[in-house]
Amino acid sequence: MKRIGVDNWGERLTRRLAGQLSRRSALARLGALLVAAPAFPLLPVQRARAADASIGTDFSRAAQTTDDQACNYWRYCGIDGNLCSCCGGSTHSCPPGSQPSPTSWIGSCVNPADQRSYLIAYRDCCGTSVCNKCGCLNTDHAMPIYRPQANNHVIWCIGTNTFEYHCSMAVLVGLAE
């Protein structure tokens, strides 16, 4: 009976492997493959496509550049409080009758117009009663309270005449490099 070509090829391959590999080395290689298999998903295969879908945070995907009285204005990614732009001030100045705190917390926000990151100093305006307009709690990249210089839950009226909080502003410092 004549053998089929695939059978001949399979027999030759099996005999060649049997002549070159011992059972121990074959089991060792199989074991190494099984141990290394869980690491395969960590390889950078198809990461570019996955990264495009997850670029930025929820805030940065919804950020806008036109309305500075809305909580999703791009500079407000780390602001916690009432917006000074709704209380008679602006994104970079306190309303009349209040004074800016000399201390601030820092954030880094992405401007959707140019896709660049900017350093933002969030500064509380103090000295008059709370504004209670346009309250925002954006915690993009907020740090725990044990890193107070980057935490937005602290009233930053330290160094002013009074600790009475009025509103918060977002001063553009420059490019975050």
Protein backbone atom coordinates (compact mmCIF):
# COMPACT_ATOMS: atom_id res chain seq x y z
CA MET A 1 0.00 0.00 0.00
CA LYS A 2 1.37 3.39 -1.01
CA ARG A 3 1.55 6.15 1.64
CA ILE A 4 0.13 9.60 1.08
CA GLY A 5 2.63 12.50 0.90
CA VAL A 6 1.38 14.08 4.12
CA ASP A 7 1.94 10.86 5.99
CA ASN A 8 5.53 10.67 4.74
CA TRP A 9 6.17 14.27 5.67
CA GLY A 10 4.67 13.78 9.16
CA GLU A 11 6.72 10.65 9.77
CA ARG A 12 9.97 12.34 8.71
CA LEU A 13 9.25 15.37 10.91
CA THR A 14 8.42 13.21 13.92
CA ARG A 15 11.54 11.06 13.49
CA ARG A 16 13.77 14.15 13.09
CA LEU A 17 12.32 15.74 16.24
CA ALA A 18 12.68 12.47 18.16
CA GLY A 19 16.31 12.26 17.13
CA GLN A 20 17.10 15.82 18.17
CA LEU A 21 14.99 16.28 21.30
CA SER A 22 14.86 14.28 24.47
CA ARG A 23 11.63 13.92 26.42
CA ARG A 24 13.00 16.16 29.15
CA SER A 25 13.90 18.99 26.80
CA ALA A 26 10.51 18.74 25.06
CA LEU A 27 8.73 18.93 28.44
CA ALA A 28 10.97 21.83 29.53
CA ARG A 29 10.14 23.80 26.40
CA LEU A 30 6.45 23.06 26.79
CA GLY A 31 6.61 24.17 30.43
CA ALA A 32 8.42 27.39 29.54
CA LEU A 33 5.77 28.13 26.92
CA LEU A 34 2.97 27.58 29.44
CA VAL A 35 4.68 29.83 32.01
CA ALA A 36 5.32 32.60 29.47
CA ALA A 37 1.85 32.45 27.87
CA PRO A 38 0.18 34.85 30.39
CA ALA A 39 2.74 37.54 29.46
CA PHE A 40 1.72 37.58 25.78
CA PRO A 41 -1.15 40.07 26.31
CA LEU A 42 1.41 42.51 27.76
CA LEU A 43 3.29 42.73 24.48
CA PRO A 44 2.76 46.00 22.57
CA VAL A 45 0.63 44.42 19.85
CA GLN A 46 -2.21 46.56 18.56
CA ARG A 47 -1.61 49.11 21.33
CA ALA A 48 -1.83 52.07 18.96
CA ARG A 49 -5.45 51.32 18.09
CA ALA A 50 -6.37 50.74 21.73
CA ALA A 51 -4.61 53.95 22.81
CA ASP A 52 -6.54 56.07 20.30
CA ALA A 53 -9.84 54.98 21.84
CA SER A 54 -8.77 55.78 25.38
CA ILE A 55 -6.84 59.03 24.94
CA GLY A 56 -7.60 61.46 27.71
CA THR A 57 -10.02 61.35 30.57
CA ASP A 58 -13.79 61.73 30.62
CA PHE A 59 -13.36 65.44 31.29
CA SER A 60 -10.88 66.04 28.45
CA ARG A 61 -13.13 64.24 25.95
CA ALA A 62 -16.06 66.52 26.86
CA ALA A 63 -14.05 69.75 27.31
CA GLN A 64 -14.90 72.87 25.30
CA THR A 65 -13.22 76.25 24.76
CA THR A 66 -16.08 78.74 24.33
CA ASP A 67 -18.18 78.97 27.53
CA ASP A 68 -16.10 79.79 30.63
CA GLN A 69 -19.25 79.64 32.78
CA ALA A 70 -19.75 75.91 32.14
CA CYS A 71 -18.09 73.21 34.24
CA ASN A 72 -16.67 71.52 31.15
CA TYR A 73 -14.62 74.58 30.11
CA TRP A 74 -11.16 73.16 29.39
CA ARG A 75 -9.33 75.09 32.16
CA TYR A 76 -11.63 73.68 34.84
CA CYS A 77 -10.40 70.06 34.70
CA GLY A 78 -9.28 70.21 38.36
CA ILE A 79 -11.47 72.94 39.83
CA ASP A 80 -13.58 72.43 42.95
CA GLY A 81 -15.89 75.26 43.90
CA ASN A 82 -17.96 78.06 42.45
CA LEU A 83 -16.70 79.58 39.21
CA CYS A 84 -15.58 83.20 39.53
CA SER A 85 -16.67 83.73 35.92
CA CYS A 86 -20.29 83.28 37.13
CA CYS A 87 -19.81 85.52 40.19
CA GLY A 88 -18.64 88.78 38.60
CA GLY A 89 -15.00 87.84 38.00
CA SER A 90 -13.34 85.84 35.23
CA THR A 91 -11.22 82.74 34.77
CA HIS A 92 -8.18 84.75 35.92
CA SER A 93 -9.52 87.54 38.18
CA CYS A 94 -11.56 87.74 41.37
CA PRO A 95 -14.91 89.54 41.53
CA PRO A 96 -14.93 93.02 43.09
CA GLY A 97 -14.79 92.92 46.89
CA SER A 98 -12.84 89.66 47.09
CA GLN A 99 -9.11 89.03 47.01
CA PRO A 100 -7.10 86.19 45.49
CA SER A 101 -5.39 83.74 47.76
CA PRO A 102 -1.59 83.83 47.44
CA THR A 103 -1.59 80.03 47.50
CA SER A 104 -3.13 77.72 44.92
CA TRP A 105 -3.45 74.13 43.80
CA ILE A 106 -2.07 73.13 40.44
CA GLY A 107 -3.55 71.12 37.61
CA SER A 108 -2.65 70.17 34.07
CA CYS A 109 -5.46 70.45 31.52
CA VAL A 110 -5.60 69.64 27.81
CA ASN A 111 -6.87 72.42 25.56
CA PRO A 112 -9.09 70.74 22.93
CA ALA A 113 -8.30 73.52 20.43
CA ASP A 114 -4.63 72.56 20.11
CA GLN A 115 -4.43 69.23 22.05
CA ARG A 116 -1.62 70.58 24.25
CA SER A 117 -1.39 70.33 28.03
CA TYR A 118 -1.30 73.55 30.03
CA LEU A 119 -0.42 74.18 33.66
CA ILE A 120 -3.35 75.78 35.50
CA ALA A 121 -3.16 77.42 38.94
CA TYR A 122 -6.50 77.18 40.72
CA ARG A 123 -6.81 80.05 43.15
CA ASP A 124 -9.62 80.78 45.57
CA CYS A 125 -11.05 84.28 45.89
CA CYS A 126 -11.72 85.15 49.51
CA GLY A 127 -13.18 87.90 51.68
CA THR A 128 -16.89 87.91 50.87
CA SER A 129 -19.64 85.36 51.39
CA VAL A 130 -19.80 82.32 49.13
CA CYS A 131 -21.17 82.99 45.65
CA ASN A 132 -23.21 79.75 45.27
CA LYS A 133 -23.37 80.01 41.47
CA CYS A 134 -21.91 77.55 38.96
CA GLY A 135 -20.62 75.01 41.46
CA CYS A 136 -18.23 72.53 39.86
CA LEU A 137 -16.42 69.51 41.21
CA ASN A 138 -13.92 68.36 38.61
CA THR A 139 -11.33 65.96 39.94
CA ASP A 140 -9.31 65.24 36.81
CA HIS A 141 -5.87 64.15 38.06
CA ALA A 142 -6.70 65.20 41.64
CA MET A 143 -4.32 63.91 44.29
CA PRO A 144 -5.20 62.55 47.73
CA ILE A 145 -5.28 64.92 50.69
CA TYR A 146 -1.79 63.83 51.77
CA ARG A 147 -0.53 65.78 48.72
CA PRO A 148 -2.27 69.08 49.56
CA GLN A 149 -0.46 71.10 46.89
CA ALA A 150 -2.40 69.16 44.25
CA ASN A 151 -5.67 68.62 46.14
CA ASN A 152 -8.74 70.65 45.28
CA HIS A 153 -10.76 69.97 48.46
CA VAL A 154 -8.79 72.42 50.58
CA ILE A 155 -9.98 76.00 51.09
CA TRP A 156 -6.96 77.96 49.89
CA CYS A 157 -7.75 81.28 51.61
CA ILE A 158 -4.51 80.98 53.57
CA GLY A 159 -2.65 84.29 53.60
CA THR A 160 -5.68 86.54 53.00
CA ASN A 161 -7.41 88.88 55.46
CA THR A 162 -10.16 86.33 56.03
CA PHE A 163 -10.74 82.63 55.52
CA GLU A 164 -14.17 83.25 54.00
CA TYR A 165 -14.39 81.51 50.60
CA HIS A 166 -16.16 83.24 47.69
CA CYS A 167 -15.26 81.48 44.39
CA SER A 168 -12.44 79.80 42.45
CA MET A 169 -10.60 80.89 39.33
CA ALA A 170 -8.33 79.04 36.89
CA VAL A 171 -5.22 81.02 35.96
CA LEU A 172 -3.27 79.81 32.91
CA VAL A 173 0.40 79.49 33.93
CA GLY A 174 1.87 78.12 30.71
CA LEU A 175 2.58 74.97 28.75
CA ALA A 176 3.02 71.80 30.82
CA GLU A 177 6.26 70.29 29.56
